[in-house]
Protein backbone atom coordinates (compact mmCIF):
# COMPACT_ATOMS: atom_id res chain seq x y z
CA MET A 1 -25.90 -47.70 -44.03
CA ALA A 2 -28.24 -50.37 -42.53
CA SER A 3 -31.07 -49.14 -44.79
CA HIS A 4 -28.79 -49.36 -47.88
CA SER A 5 -27.73 -52.93 -46.89
CA SER A 6 -31.38 -54.00 -46.53
CA SER A 7 -32.33 -52.49 -49.91
CA LEU A 8 -29.34 -54.21 -51.60
CA LYS A 9 -30.35 -57.53 -50.07
CA VAL A 10 -33.89 -57.18 -51.48
CA VAL A 11 -32.51 -56.38 -54.94
CA TYR A 12 -30.07 -59.34 -54.85
CA ALA A 13 -32.86 -61.75 -53.88
CA ALA A 14 -35.09 -60.46 -56.75
CA LEU A 15 -32.24 -60.60 -59.26
CA ALA A 16 -31.41 -64.21 -58.49
CA GLY A 17 -35.08 -65.31 -58.63
CA ASN A 18 -35.93 -63.45 -61.87
CA LEU A 19 -32.86 -64.67 -63.72
CA ALA A 20 -33.62 -68.34 -63.02
CA ILE A 21 -37.29 -67.88 -63.78
CA ALA A 22 -36.70 -66.04 -67.07
CA VAL A 23 -34.55 -68.86 -68.46
CA SER A 24 -37.15 -71.47 -67.45
CA LYS A 25 -40.05 -69.52 -68.98
CA PHE A 26 -38.28 -68.97 -72.31
CA ALA A 27 -37.56 -72.64 -72.58
CA ALA A 28 -41.17 -73.54 -71.70
CA ALA A 29 -42.54 -70.93 -74.21
CA ALA A 30 -40.38 -72.30 -77.00
CA PHE A 31 -41.38 -75.89 -76.18
CA THR A 32 -45.12 -75.32 -75.83
CA GLY A 33 -45.91 -72.26 -78.02
CA SER A 34 -47.80 -70.53 -75.19
CA SER A 35 -48.33 -66.80 -75.65
CA ALA A 36 -48.89 -66.22 -71.96
CA MET A 37 -45.71 -68.04 -71.13
CA LEU A 38 -43.73 -65.96 -73.61
CA SER A 39 -45.19 -62.78 -72.09
CA GLU A 40 -44.19 -64.03 -68.64
CA ALA A 41 -40.66 -64.81 -69.93
CA ILE A 42 -40.30 -61.28 -71.24
CA HIS A 43 -41.72 -60.00 -67.93
CA SER A 44 -39.04 -61.88 -65.96
CA THR A 45 -36.30 -60.69 -68.34
CA VAL A 46 -37.37 -57.07 -67.92
CA ASP A 47 -37.48 -57.60 -64.11
CA THR A 48 -33.92 -58.98 -64.22
CA GLY A 49 -32.72 -55.93 -66.13
CA ASN A 50 -34.56 -53.75 -63.66
CA GLU A 51 -32.74 -55.21 -60.70
CA LEU A 52 -29.42 -54.54 -62.45
CA LEU A 53 -30.47 -50.91 -63.07
CA LEU A 54 -31.52 -50.51 -59.42
CA MET A 55 -28.15 -51.81 -58.29
CA PHE A 56 -26.43 -49.41 -60.70
CA GLY A 57 -28.57 -46.53 -59.37
CA MET A 58 -27.70 -47.39 -55.81
CA ARG A 59 -23.95 -47.45 -56.69
CA GLN A 60 -24.27 -44.09 -58.48
CA ALA A 61 -26.16 -42.49 -55.58
CA GLU A 62 -23.22 -43.38 -53.24
CA ARG A 63 -20.75 -41.28 -55.10
CA PRO A 64 -19.41 -38.35 -53.02
CA ALA A 65 -20.28 -34.75 -53.83
CA ASP A 66 -17.99 -32.96 -56.16
CA ALA A 67 -17.77 -29.57 -58.05
CA GLY A 68 -20.18 -30.76 -60.67
CA HIS A 69 -22.72 -32.13 -58.18
CA PRO A 70 -22.18 -30.22 -54.92
CA PHE A 71 -25.15 -31.89 -53.23
CA GLY A 72 -24.05 -35.38 -54.20
CA TYR A 73 -25.55 -37.96 -56.54
CA GLY A 74 -28.48 -39.19 -54.45
CA LEU A 75 -31.05 -38.18 -57.09
CA GLN A 76 -29.45 -40.78 -59.43
CA LEU A 77 -31.34 -43.46 -57.52
CA TYR A 78 -34.69 -41.82 -58.22
CA PHE A 79 -33.82 -41.43 -61.88
CA TRP A 80 -33.03 -45.11 -62.35
CA VAL A 81 -36.24 -46.13 -60.59
CA PHE A 82 -38.09 -43.98 -63.11
CA VAL A 83 -36.19 -45.75 -65.93
CA VAL A 84 -37.31 -49.09 -64.41
CA ALA A 85 -40.91 -47.97 -64.62
CA VAL A 86 -40.43 -46.94 -68.24
CA LEU A 87 -38.93 -50.36 -69.09
CA ILE A 88 -41.75 -52.27 -67.36
CA PHE A 89 -44.24 -50.37 -69.50
CA GLY A 90 -42.29 -50.09 -72.71
CA PHE A 91 -40.99 -53.68 -72.91
CA GLY A 92 -43.11 -55.76 -70.59
CA ALA A 93 -46.61 -54.32 -70.98
CA VAL A 94 -46.39 -53.44 -74.64
CA PHE A 95 -44.86 -56.76 -75.73
CA SER A 96 -47.46 -58.64 -73.72
CA LEU A 97 -50.18 -56.65 -75.35
CA ILE A 98 -48.84 -57.30 -78.87
CA GLU A 99 -48.33 -60.99 -78.17
CA GLY A 100 -51.82 -61.30 -76.68
CA LEU A 101 -53.44 -59.67 -79.69
CA ARG A 102 -51.44 -61.90 -82.04
CA LYS A 103 -52.58 -65.07 -80.26
CA ILE A 104 -56.20 -63.94 -80.18
CA SER A 105 -56.21 -63.16 -83.90
CA ASP A 106 -54.51 -66.52 -84.74
CA PRO A 107 -55.15 -68.96 -81.84
CA GLU A 108 -53.15 -72.19 -81.82
CA PRO A 109 -53.43 -75.03 -79.30
CA ILE A 110 -50.64 -75.14 -76.71
CA ARG A 111 -48.23 -78.13 -77.07
CA ASN A 112 -47.03 -80.17 -74.08
CA VAL A 113 -49.03 -78.06 -71.70
CA PHE A 114 -47.78 -79.93 -68.66
CA VAL A 115 -44.40 -78.26 -69.12
CA ASN A 116 -46.08 -74.87 -68.55
CA TYR A 117 -47.65 -76.09 -65.31
CA ILE A 118 -44.25 -77.31 -64.01
CA VAL A 119 -42.47 -74.09 -64.92
CA LEU A 120 -45.28 -71.81 -63.63
CA GLY A 121 -45.38 -73.79 -60.33
CA LEU A 122 -41.65 -73.41 -59.82
CA ALA A 123 -41.79 -69.73 -60.84
CA ILE A 124 -44.53 -69.08 -58.26
CA LEU A 125 -42.33 -70.79 -55.63
CA PHE A 126 -39.24 -68.66 -56.51
CA GLU A 127 -41.23 -65.46 -56.85
CA THR A 128 -42.89 -66.01 -53.48
CA GLY A 129 -39.44 -66.31 -51.85
CA SER A 130 -38.26 -63.10 -53.48
CA TRP A 131 -41.53 -61.39 -52.60
CA TYR A 132 -41.23 -62.44 -48.98
CA VAL A 133 -37.73 -60.97 -48.67
CA ALA A 134 -39.00 -57.63 -50.12
CA PHE A 135 -42.15 -57.71 -48.01
CA ARG A 136 -40.21 -58.35 -44.78
CA GLU A 137 -37.99 -55.29 -45.42
CA PHE A 138 -40.90 -53.16 -46.49
CA ARG A 139 -42.88 -54.09 -43.35
CA LYS A 140 -40.04 -52.69 -41.24
CA GLN A 141 -40.66 -49.30 -42.81
CA THR A 142 -44.37 -49.16 -42.03
CA ASN A 143 -44.10 -48.28 -38.28
CA GLY A 144 -47.71 -49.07 -37.74
CA GLN A 145 -48.91 -47.13 -40.75
CA GLY A 146 -50.86 -48.47 -43.71
CA TRP A 147 -48.91 -49.92 -46.62
CA PHE A 148 -50.15 -47.39 -49.18
CA ARG A 149 -49.29 -44.49 -46.84
CA THR A 150 -45.81 -45.97 -46.28
CA VAL A 151 -45.20 -46.18 -50.05
CA ARG A 152 -46.37 -42.57 -50.47
CA ARG A 153 -44.08 -41.42 -47.62
CA SER A 154 -41.07 -43.53 -48.47
CA LYS A 155 -37.92 -41.76 -49.67
CA ASP A 156 -36.19 -45.05 -50.58
CA PRO A 157 -37.97 -46.44 -53.61
CA THR A 158 -35.85 -49.57 -54.12
CA VAL A 159 -37.66 -51.79 -51.60
CA PHE A 160 -41.23 -50.92 -52.69
CA ALA A 161 -40.14 -51.03 -56.37
CA VAL A 162 -39.00 -54.64 -55.97
CA LEU A 163 -42.07 -55.44 -53.87
CA PHE A 164 -44.39 -54.10 -56.53
CA GLU A 165 -42.42 -55.93 -59.26
CA ASP A 166 -42.69 -59.21 -57.39
CA THR A 167 -46.35 -58.62 -56.64
CA ALA A 168 -47.00 -57.95 -60.33
CA ALA A 169 -44.99 -61.05 -61.20
CA LEU A 170 -47.04 -63.31 -58.89
CA ILE A 171 -50.32 -61.88 -60.30
CA GLY A 172 -49.04 -62.38 -63.80
CA LEU A 173 -48.14 -66.02 -62.99
CA VAL A 174 -51.61 -66.70 -61.65
CA ILE A 175 -53.18 -65.10 -64.77
CA ALA A 176 -50.97 -67.16 -67.04
CA LEU A 177 -51.75 -70.37 -65.09
CA VAL A 178 -55.48 -69.74 -65.19
CA GLY A 179 -55.43 -68.73 -68.91
CA ILE A 180 -53.50 -71.80 -69.98
CA ALA A 181 -55.53 -74.21 -67.82
CA LEU A 182 -58.86 -72.81 -69.04
CA GLY A 183 -57.67 -72.81 -72.59
CA GLU A 184 -56.81 -76.49 -72.34
CA MET A 185 -59.93 -77.55 -70.48
CA LEU A 186 -62.38 -75.62 -72.67
CA GLN A 187 -60.44 -76.23 -75.85
CA MET A 188 -60.21 -72.46 -76.38
CA PRO A 189 -56.54 -71.52 -77.14
CA VAL A 190 -57.71 -67.95 -77.52
CA LEU A 191 -57.75 -67.74 -73.71
CA ASP A 192 -53.98 -68.01 -73.75
CA GLY A 193 -53.94 -64.75 -75.62
CA VAL A 194 -56.46 -63.19 -73.25
CA ALA A 195 -54.14 -64.15 -70.35
CA SER A 196 -51.38 -62.31 -72.09
CA LEU A 197 -53.54 -59.21 -72.28
CA GLY A 198 -54.26 -59.51 -68.55
CA ILE A 199 -50.51 -59.68 -67.87
CA ALA A 200 -50.05 -56.49 -69.96
CA LEU A 201 -52.63 -54.67 -67.84
CA VAL A 202 -50.89 -55.70 -64.65
CA LEU A 203 -47.51 -54.54 -65.93
CA ALA A 204 -48.95 -51.26 -67.19
CA GLY A 205 -50.58 -50.53 -63.80
CA THR A 206 -47.29 -51.31 -61.99
CA ALA A 207 -45.28 -49.10 -64.33
CA ILE A 208 -47.67 -46.15 -63.96
CA PHE A 209 -47.60 -46.33 -60.16
CA LEU A 210 -43.83 -46.63 -59.94
CA GLY A 211 -43.37 -43.90 -62.49
CA TYR A 212 -45.60 -41.55 -60.55
CA GLU A 213 -43.88 -42.23 -57.24
CA SER A 214 -40.37 -41.86 -58.64
CA GLN A 215 -41.08 -38.64 -60.54
CA SER A 216 -42.45 -37.13 -57.31
CA LEU A 217 -39.11 -37.96 -55.57
CA LEU A 218 -37.06 -36.91 -58.64
CA THR A 219 -38.68 -33.46 -58.74
CA GLY A 220 -37.92 -32.65 -55.14
CA GLU A 221 -39.99 -34.01 -52.27
CA ALA A 222 -39.79 -32.32 -48.89
CA ALA A 223 -38.65 -34.12 -45.77
CA TYR A 224 -41.24 -35.78 -43.55
CA PRO A 225 -43.61 -33.40 -41.75
CA GLU A 226 -42.27 -34.44 -38.33
CA VAL A 227 -38.74 -33.60 -39.51
CA ARG A 228 -39.83 -30.16 -40.67
CA ARG A 229 -41.64 -29.54 -37.47
CA GLY A 230 -38.56 -30.62 -35.52
CA ILE A 231 -36.33 -28.25 -37.48
CA GLU A 232 -38.79 -25.38 -36.86
CA GLN A 233 -38.87 -26.11 -33.15
CA ILE A 234 -35.08 -26.12 -32.93
CA ALA A 235 -34.94 -22.75 -34.79
CA ARG A 236 -37.75 -21.25 -32.75
CA SER A 237 -36.10 -22.12 -29.40
CA ALA A 238 -32.70 -20.82 -30.42
CA PRO A 239 -31.58 -17.69 -28.56
CA GLY A 240 -31.96 -14.46 -30.54
CA VAL A 241 -34.49 -15.83 -33.08
CA HIS A 242 -37.41 -13.46 -33.28
CA ARG A 243 -39.46 -15.16 -35.97
CA ILE A 244 -39.21 -17.93 -38.49
CA ASN A 245 -39.71 -16.61 -42.04
CA GLU A 246 -39.48 -19.87 -43.90
CA VAL A 247 -38.22 -23.49 -43.57
CA LEU A 248 -37.60 -25.40 -46.85
CA THR A 249 -36.44 -28.97 -47.08
CA MET A 250 -35.65 -31.31 -50.04
CA HIS A 251 -34.53 -34.91 -50.34
CA PHE A 252 -31.46 -35.46 -52.51
CA GLY A 253 -31.54 -39.16 -51.68
CA PRO A 254 -33.17 -41.51 -49.18
CA GLU A 255 -30.81 -40.27 -46.38
CA GLN A 256 -29.69 -36.89 -47.81
CA VAL A 257 -31.81 -33.91 -46.90
CA LEU A 258 -31.10 -30.29 -47.59
CA ALA A 259 -32.60 -27.77 -45.07
CA ALA A 260 -32.78 -24.02 -45.87
CA LEU A 261 -33.98 -21.65 -43.11
CA SER A 262 -34.81 -18.01 -43.29
CA LEU A 263 -34.87 -16.49 -39.78
CA ASP A 264 -35.62 -13.04 -38.44
CA PHE A 265 -33.13 -12.41 -35.57
CA ASP A 266 -33.63 -9.89 -32.77
CA ASP A 267 -32.17 -6.59 -33.82
CA SER A 268 -30.59 -6.04 -30.45
CA ILE A 269 -28.10 -8.94 -30.65
CA SER A 270 -24.69 -8.63 -32.27
CA ALA A 271 -23.49 -10.24 -35.48
CA GLU A 272 -21.25 -12.52 -33.38
CA GLN A 273 -24.30 -13.70 -31.43
CA VAL A 274 -26.19 -14.37 -34.66
CA GLU A 275 -23.24 -16.45 -35.92
CA GLY A 276 -23.23 -18.45 -32.68
CA ALA A 277 -26.97 -19.03 -32.86
CA VAL A 278 -26.72 -20.20 -36.50
CA ALA A 279 -23.92 -22.61 -35.51
CA ASP A 280 -25.98 -24.03 -32.66
CA ILE A 281 -29.03 -24.43 -34.88
CA GLU A 282 -27.08 -26.33 -37.48
CA ARG A 283 -25.45 -28.57 -34.87
CA GLN A 284 -28.76 -29.38 -33.21
CA ILE A 285 -30.54 -30.14 -36.48
CA LYS A 286 -27.80 -32.53 -37.68
CA SER A 287 -27.63 -34.21 -34.24
CA GLU A 288 -31.43 -34.77 -34.00
CA PHE A 289 -31.98 -35.56 -37.70
CA PRO A 290 -28.83 -37.35 -39.12
CA GLU A 291 -30.46 -37.52 -42.54
CA VAL A 292 -30.16 -33.69 -42.74
CA THR A 293 -26.73 -33.43 -44.33
CA ARG A 294 -26.87 -29.76 -45.42
CA VAL A 295 -28.22 -26.79 -43.48
CA PHE A 296 -28.28 -23.23 -44.70
CA VAL A 297 -29.50 -20.36 -42.53
CA GLU A 298 -30.40 -16.92 -43.92
CA ALA A 299 -30.74 -14.03 -41.51
CA LYS A 300 -33.39 -11.66 -42.89
CA ASP A 301 -35.93 -9.24 -41.50
CA PHE A 302 -39.44 -10.68 -41.69
CA ASP A 303 -40.94 -7.70 -43.53
CA VAL A 304 -38.15 -7.75 -46.11
CA HIS A 305 -38.69 -11.44 -46.56
CA GLN A 306 -42.42 -10.97 -47.08
CA ARG A 307 -41.94 -8.20 -49.67
CA ARG A 308 -39.54 -10.45 -51.60
CA LEU A 309 -42.17 -13.25 -51.61
CA GLU A 310 -44.85 -10.80 -52.84
CA ARG A 311 -42.68 -9.68 -55.71
CA ALA A 312 -41.95 -13.29 -56.67
């Protein structure tokens, strides 16, 4: 619950910042005719929509399991993060690319350029605040590991999705500021269009990375290696377990893990003892790893299990 609350706080902060920034950028783009500013306005609008989609995904993922979705709706969150990645690419990157090419083919001087400087400066200030909130929550997840490794391991994509969005927004703002300033100083309005192309590249890179990470989660990532090792240790130390055939895990949400165990029990123990051992294994796993919400244990002879795997 604490993790969900932190993720929601990050999304709220990003939503508030992006909404205010988008309105300011559209007004500045209309007033000055800047292509880079228009690209940034679309960027902030897409980001605002993305935060709403993330909030919707988080709400959907909280729905309890039912007959139609017996393992719950946790995967909904991963789906909507993937949709966010598609929107960043489809609307943000493609629009910025088209707008940049249009401005390069027909460059026009920017009017009232000082308005752009004011809006971009305020946007950088707001984005930095939103980025800091996301970064602070993301840093709590690192546990002394590198940032890239933390992103690759994370099963809750909302925080790093917002962090990457805000990072891309800050980079885009800097590109827009540099492009507009150089275009004015060098009397080369074409640089405004070049800045728009730079923003398109940043958005495309962000979308590709988020898409890759979310599809990996959506298609069934296993639990952390230490969780799998812990489950195996609990099963191995249970009375009556002769050998572990297989331990499979899968995330159905950030804090929803399915564990399926195939165990070879000692032939000398009774069915009642096997049932007792299975109950103990399930209880210990859920106690030590609260994120494991479902445990299924199959009692099967090791040789039979191996033959089944060979046929498969």
